[in-house]
Amino acid sequence: MSDADYQELFLTCGSWQEAQAIVDVLLEKRLIACAEFIEIKSKYHWQGKLEEANEIKLIMGTIADKFDYIEAEVAKLHSYETFVLQALPVTRLSKAAEAWLTKEIK
């Protein structure tokens, strides 16, 4: 692997439109190389109540040193008072995918 620390980021959004808007900005700024959109149903505690919602889960490919920039962009666009942006390290990556991801992220 190269010197970059590759990550997969996870972010839950309240709608397709919100997810698309966030991804468009992150791609345009070349902070992520790709994003996958998954429809999910969530249950969670919020302000003392048990809530349930239909949401969109984003999975995005990036490198570790972009996390703070991504978090700042998400904060400008996300509708949730408290959004959860999670990063998981990628421990192995195929050589072609590594080359592509490195090329796409600035």
N, C-alpha and C. Protein backbone atom coordinates (compact mmCIF):
# COMPACT_ATOMS: atom_id res chain seq x y z
N MET A 1 0.84 -1.18 0.00
CA MET A 1 0.00 0.00 0.00
C MET A 1 0.88 1.24 0.00
N SER A 2 0.36 2.33 -0.51
CA SER A 2 1.11 3.59 -0.54
C SER A 2 1.11 4.23 0.84
N ASP A 3 1.62 5.46 0.91
CA ASP A 3 1.68 6.18 2.18
C ASP A 3 0.31 6.61 2.68
N ALA A 4 -0.69 6.66 1.79
CA ALA A 4 -2.03 7.09 2.18
C ALA A 4 -2.70 6.02 3.04
N ASP A 5 -3.48 6.46 4.01
CA ASP A 5 -4.29 5.55 4.82
C ASP A 5 -5.70 5.60 4.26
N TYR A 6 -6.10 4.54 3.59
CA TYR A 6 -7.41 4.51 2.95
C TYR A 6 -8.48 4.22 3.99
N GLN A 7 -9.66 4.82 3.77
CA GLN A 7 -10.77 4.66 4.70
C GLN A 7 -12.08 4.52 3.93
N GLU A 8 -13.01 3.86 4.58
CA GLU A 8 -14.40 3.91 4.16
C GLU A 8 -15.13 4.72 5.20
N LEU A 9 -15.87 5.73 4.73
CA LEU A 9 -16.67 6.57 5.61
C LEU A 9 -18.13 6.16 5.51
N PHE A 10 -18.82 6.23 6.63
CA PHE A 10 -20.24 5.92 6.69
C PHE A 10 -20.97 7.15 7.21
N LEU A 11 -22.07 7.50 6.53
CA LEU A 11 -22.87 8.65 6.92
C LEU A 11 -24.33 8.36 6.61
N THR A 12 -25.20 8.59 7.57
CA THR A 12 -26.63 8.40 7.38
C THR A 12 -27.27 9.75 7.09
N CYS A 13 -28.12 9.78 6.06
CA CYS A 13 -28.80 11.01 5.64
C CYS A 13 -30.31 10.81 5.69
N GLY A 14 -31.03 11.91 5.83
CA GLY A 14 -32.47 11.87 5.97
C GLY A 14 -33.24 11.68 4.68
N SER A 15 -32.60 11.89 3.53
CA SER A 15 -33.31 11.75 2.25
C SER A 15 -32.31 11.50 1.13
N TRP A 16 -32.85 11.03 -0.02
CA TRP A 16 -32.03 10.85 -1.21
C TRP A 16 -31.43 12.19 -1.64
N GLN A 17 -32.24 13.24 -1.58
CA GLN A 17 -31.79 14.56 -2.03
C GLN A 17 -30.61 15.05 -1.18
N GLU A 18 -30.72 14.89 0.13
CA GLU A 18 -29.64 15.31 1.01
C GLU A 18 -28.38 14.49 0.74
N ALA A 19 -28.52 13.19 0.62
CA ALA A 19 -27.38 12.31 0.35
C ALA A 19 -26.70 12.71 -0.96
N GLN A 20 -27.50 12.93 -2.00
CA GLN A 20 -26.97 13.31 -3.30
C GLN A 20 -26.23 14.65 -3.23
N ALA A 21 -26.80 15.62 -2.54
CA ALA A 21 -26.18 16.94 -2.42
C ALA A 21 -24.83 16.84 -1.71
N ILE A 22 -24.76 16.06 -0.65
CA ILE A 22 -23.51 15.89 0.08
C ILE A 22 -22.46 15.21 -0.78
N VAL A 23 -22.85 14.13 -1.45
CA VAL A 23 -21.92 13.40 -2.31
C VAL A 23 -21.43 14.28 -3.45
N ASP A 24 -22.33 15.04 -4.06
CA ASP A 24 -21.93 15.91 -5.17
C ASP A 24 -20.84 16.89 -4.75
N VAL A 25 -20.99 17.51 -3.58
CA VAL A 25 -19.99 18.46 -3.10
C VAL A 25 -18.68 17.75 -2.81
N LEU A 26 -18.73 16.62 -2.13
CA LEU A 26 -17.51 15.90 -1.77
C LEU A 26 -16.77 15.40 -3.00
N LEU A 27 -17.51 14.95 -4.02
CA LEU A 27 -16.87 14.53 -5.27
C LEU A 27 -16.29 15.73 -6.01
N GLU A 28 -17.05 16.81 -6.08
CA GLU A 28 -16.59 18.01 -6.77
C GLU A 28 -15.29 18.54 -6.16
N LYS A 29 -15.20 18.48 -4.83
CA LYS A 29 -14.00 18.96 -4.13
C LYS A 29 -12.92 17.89 -4.07
N ARG A 30 -13.20 16.73 -4.65
CA ARG A 30 -12.27 15.59 -4.72
C ARG A 30 -11.80 15.14 -3.34
N LEU A 31 -12.74 15.17 -2.39
CA LEU A 31 -12.47 14.69 -1.04
C LEU A 31 -12.77 13.21 -0.91
N ILE A 32 -13.62 12.70 -1.78
CA ILE A 32 -13.92 11.26 -1.86
C ILE A 32 -13.75 10.83 -3.32
N ALA A 33 -13.53 9.54 -3.51
CA ALA A 33 -13.39 9.01 -4.87
C ALA A 33 -14.70 8.41 -5.36
N CYS A 34 -15.53 7.95 -4.43
CA CYS A 34 -16.78 7.30 -4.81
C CYS A 34 -17.73 7.27 -3.62
N ALA A 35 -19.00 6.99 -3.93
CA ALA A 35 -20.01 6.86 -2.88
C ALA A 35 -21.04 5.83 -3.30
N GLU A 36 -21.50 5.08 -2.35
CA GLU A 36 -22.58 4.12 -2.54
C GLU A 36 -23.75 4.55 -1.67
N PHE A 37 -24.95 4.42 -2.21
CA PHE A 37 -26.18 4.82 -1.52
C PHE A 37 -26.99 3.56 -1.20
N ILE A 38 -27.39 3.42 0.06
CA ILE A 38 -28.17 2.26 0.47
C ILE A 38 -29.38 2.73 1.27
N GLU A 39 -30.57 2.27 0.88
CA GLU A 39 -31.78 2.57 1.67
C GLU A 39 -31.77 1.72 2.93
N ILE A 40 -32.03 2.37 4.07
CA ILE A 40 -32.05 1.65 5.35
C ILE A 40 -33.24 2.10 6.19
N LYS A 41 -33.58 1.29 7.16
CA LYS A 41 -34.55 1.66 8.19
C LYS A 41 -33.77 1.69 9.49
N SER A 42 -33.87 2.80 10.23
CA SER A 42 -33.13 2.98 11.47
C SER A 42 -34.05 3.09 12.67
N LYS A 43 -33.58 2.60 13.80
CA LYS A 43 -34.24 2.81 15.09
C LYS A 43 -33.16 3.32 16.04
N TYR A 44 -33.51 4.34 16.82
CA TYR A 44 -32.50 4.96 17.67
C TYR A 44 -33.18 5.78 18.77
N HIS A 45 -32.42 6.05 19.82
CA HIS A 45 -32.87 6.93 20.88
C HIS A 45 -32.54 8.36 20.49
N TRP A 46 -33.50 9.26 20.61
CA TRP A 46 -33.25 10.67 20.34
C TRP A 46 -34.10 11.52 21.26
N GLN A 47 -33.45 12.35 22.05
CA GLN A 47 -34.10 13.26 22.98
C GLN A 47 -35.14 12.56 23.86
N GLY A 48 -34.73 11.43 24.41
CA GLY A 48 -35.55 10.70 25.36
C GLY A 48 -36.63 9.82 24.77
N LYS A 49 -36.69 9.72 23.44
CA LYS A 49 -37.71 8.88 22.81
C LYS A 49 -37.06 7.89 21.86
N LEU A 50 -37.74 6.78 21.64
CA LEU A 50 -37.30 5.80 20.65
C LEU A 50 -37.88 6.22 19.31
N GLU A 51 -37.01 6.45 18.34
CA GLU A 51 -37.42 6.93 17.01
C GLU A 51 -37.18 5.84 15.97
N GLU A 52 -37.86 5.99 14.85
CA GLU A 52 -37.70 5.09 13.71
C GLU A 52 -37.76 5.95 12.45
N ALA A 53 -36.89 5.66 11.47
CA ALA A 53 -36.86 6.48 10.27
C ALA A 53 -36.35 5.69 9.07
N ASN A 54 -36.82 6.08 7.90
CA ASN A 54 -36.24 5.60 6.64
C ASN A 54 -35.14 6.58 6.28
N GLU A 55 -33.94 6.05 6.02
CA GLU A 55 -32.79 6.91 5.77
C GLU A 55 -31.96 6.35 4.61
N ILE A 56 -30.96 7.12 4.23
CA ILE A 56 -30.01 6.70 3.22
C ILE A 56 -28.64 6.61 3.88
N LYS A 57 -28.00 5.46 3.75
CA LYS A 57 -26.64 5.26 4.29
C LYS A 57 -25.66 5.45 3.14
N LEU A 58 -24.71 6.35 3.33
CA LEU A 58 -23.64 6.54 2.36
C LEU A 58 -22.40 5.78 2.82
N ILE A 59 -21.75 5.13 1.87
CA ILE A 59 -20.44 4.53 2.08
C ILE A 59 -19.53 5.20 1.07
N MET A 60 -18.47 5.83 1.56
CA MET A 60 -17.62 6.65 0.70
C MET A 60 -16.15 6.26 0.85
N GLY A 61 -15.44 6.22 -0.26
CA GLY A 61 -14.02 5.90 -0.26
C GLY A 61 -13.17 7.16 -0.24
N THR A 62 -12.19 7.19 0.67
CA THR A 62 -11.33 8.37 0.80
C THR A 62 -10.01 7.98 1.45
N ILE A 63 -9.23 8.99 1.82
CA ILE A 63 -8.00 8.79 2.57
C ILE A 63 -8.12 9.54 3.91
N ALA A 64 -7.40 9.06 4.90
CA ALA A 64 -7.58 9.52 6.28
C ALA A 64 -7.38 11.02 6.46
N ASP A 65 -6.43 11.61 5.77
CA ASP A 65 -6.17 13.03 6.03
C ASP A 65 -7.25 13.96 5.48
N LYS A 66 -8.28 13.41 4.84
CA LYS A 66 -9.39 14.22 4.33
C LYS A 66 -10.58 14.26 5.30
N PHE A 67 -10.52 13.48 6.39
CA PHE A 67 -11.69 13.36 7.28
C PHE A 67 -12.18 14.72 7.79
N ASP A 68 -11.29 15.55 8.31
CA ASP A 68 -11.70 16.84 8.88
C ASP A 68 -12.35 17.74 7.82
N TYR A 69 -11.81 17.73 6.61
CA TYR A 69 -12.40 18.52 5.51
C TYR A 69 -13.79 17.99 5.16
N ILE A 70 -13.92 16.68 5.12
CA ILE A 70 -15.22 16.06 4.81
C ILE A 70 -16.23 16.40 5.90
N GLU A 71 -15.82 16.27 7.15
CA GLU A 71 -16.72 16.59 8.26
C GLU A 71 -17.20 18.04 8.18
N ALA A 72 -16.32 18.96 7.84
CA ALA A 72 -16.69 20.37 7.73
C ALA A 72 -17.70 20.59 6.60
N GLU A 73 -17.51 19.92 5.47
CA GLU A 73 -18.45 20.06 4.35
C GLU A 73 -19.81 19.45 4.71
N VAL A 74 -19.79 18.29 5.35
CA VAL A 74 -21.04 17.64 5.76
C VAL A 74 -21.79 18.54 6.74
N ALA A 75 -21.10 19.18 7.65
CA ALA A 75 -21.74 20.05 8.63
C ALA A 75 -22.49 21.21 7.96
N LYS A 76 -22.00 21.67 6.83
CA LYS A 76 -22.67 22.76 6.11
C LYS A 76 -23.97 22.30 5.44
N LEU A 77 -24.06 21.02 5.10
CA LEU A 77 -25.14 20.52 4.25
C LEU A 77 -26.14 19.60 4.95
N HIS A 78 -25.74 19.00 6.04
CA HIS A 78 -26.57 17.96 6.67
C HIS A 78 -27.72 18.57 7.48
N SER A 79 -28.87 17.94 7.42
CA SER A 79 -30.06 18.45 8.11
C SER A 79 -30.13 18.02 9.58
N TYR A 80 -29.38 17.00 9.96
CA TYR A 80 -29.47 16.50 11.33
C TYR A 80 -28.71 17.40 12.30
N GLU A 81 -29.29 17.60 13.46
CA GLU A 81 -28.62 18.35 14.53
C GLU A 81 -27.33 17.65 14.92
N THR A 82 -27.38 16.32 14.99
CA THR A 82 -26.21 15.50 15.30
C THR A 82 -26.08 14.42 14.24
N PHE A 83 -25.22 14.65 13.26
CA PHE A 83 -24.98 13.59 12.26
C PHE A 83 -23.81 12.74 12.74
N VAL A 84 -23.77 11.51 12.25
CA VAL A 84 -22.70 10.60 12.62
C VAL A 84 -21.90 10.28 11.37
N LEU A 85 -20.66 10.72 11.34
CA LEU A 85 -19.73 10.41 10.27
C LEU A 85 -18.69 9.49 10.88
N GLN A 86 -18.62 8.26 10.37
CA GLN A 86 -17.72 7.26 10.91
C GLN A 86 -16.68 6.87 9.87
N ALA A 87 -15.46 6.62 10.32
CA ALA A 87 -14.39 6.18 9.42
C ALA A 87 -13.88 4.81 9.87
N LEU A 88 -13.76 3.92 8.91
CA LEU A 88 -13.16 2.61 9.16
C LEU A 88 -11.93 2.48 8.27
N PRO A 89 -10.82 2.02 8.84
CA PRO A 89 -9.62 1.86 8.02
C PRO A 89 -9.78 0.71 7.02
N VAL A 90 -9.20 0.90 5.86
CA VAL A 90 -9.14 -0.16 4.85
C VAL A 90 -7.76 -0.79 5.01
N THR A 91 -7.72 -2.05 5.39
CA THR A 91 -6.44 -2.69 5.68
C THR A 91 -5.78 -3.26 4.43
N ARG A 92 -6.56 -3.58 3.41
CA ARG A 92 -6.00 -4.07 2.14
C ARG A 92 -6.82 -3.51 1.01
N LEU A 93 -6.17 -3.27 -0.11
CA LEU A 93 -6.83 -2.70 -1.27
C LEU A 93 -6.12 -3.23 -2.51
N SER A 94 -6.89 -3.63 -3.51
CA SER A 94 -6.27 -4.11 -4.74
C SER A 94 -5.44 -3.00 -5.37
N LYS A 95 -4.39 -3.37 -6.08
CA LYS A 95 -3.46 -2.39 -6.64
C LYS A 95 -4.15 -1.42 -7.59
N ALA A 96 -5.03 -1.92 -8.44
CA ALA A 96 -5.74 -1.04 -9.39
C ALA A 96 -6.66 -0.07 -8.66
N ALA A 97 -7.36 -0.55 -7.64
CA ALA A 97 -8.25 0.32 -6.86
C ALA A 97 -7.44 1.36 -6.10
N GLU A 98 -6.30 0.97 -5.56
CA GLU A 98 -5.44 1.91 -4.85
C GLU A 98 -4.96 3.02 -5.78
N ALA A 99 -4.55 2.66 -6.97
CA ALA A 99 -4.08 3.65 -7.94
C ALA A 99 -5.20 4.61 -8.32
N TRP A 100 -6.40 4.07 -8.56
CA TRP A 100 -7.55 4.88 -8.93
C TRP A 100 -7.94 5.83 -7.80
N LEU A 101 -8.06 5.30 -6.59
CA LEU A 101 -8.47 6.11 -5.45
C LEU A 101 -7.47 7.24 -5.19
N THR A 102 -6.18 6.92 -5.24
CA THR A 102 -5.14 7.92 -5.04
C THR A 102 -5.20 9.01 -6.09
N LYS A 103 -5.47 8.62 -7.33
CA LYS A 103 -5.54 9.58 -8.43
C LYS A 103 -6.74 10.51 -8.29
N GLU A 104 -7.86 10.00 -7.80
CA GLU A 104 -9.11 10.76 -7.75
C GLU A 104 -9.22 11.74 -6.59
N ILE A 105 -8.50 11.49 -5.51
CA ILE A 105 -8.59 12.35 -4.33
C ILE A 105 -7.43 13.33 -4.33
N LYS A 106 -7.77 14.60 -4.16
CA LYS A 106 -6.74 15.67 -4.19
C LYS A 106 -6.48 16.18 -2.79
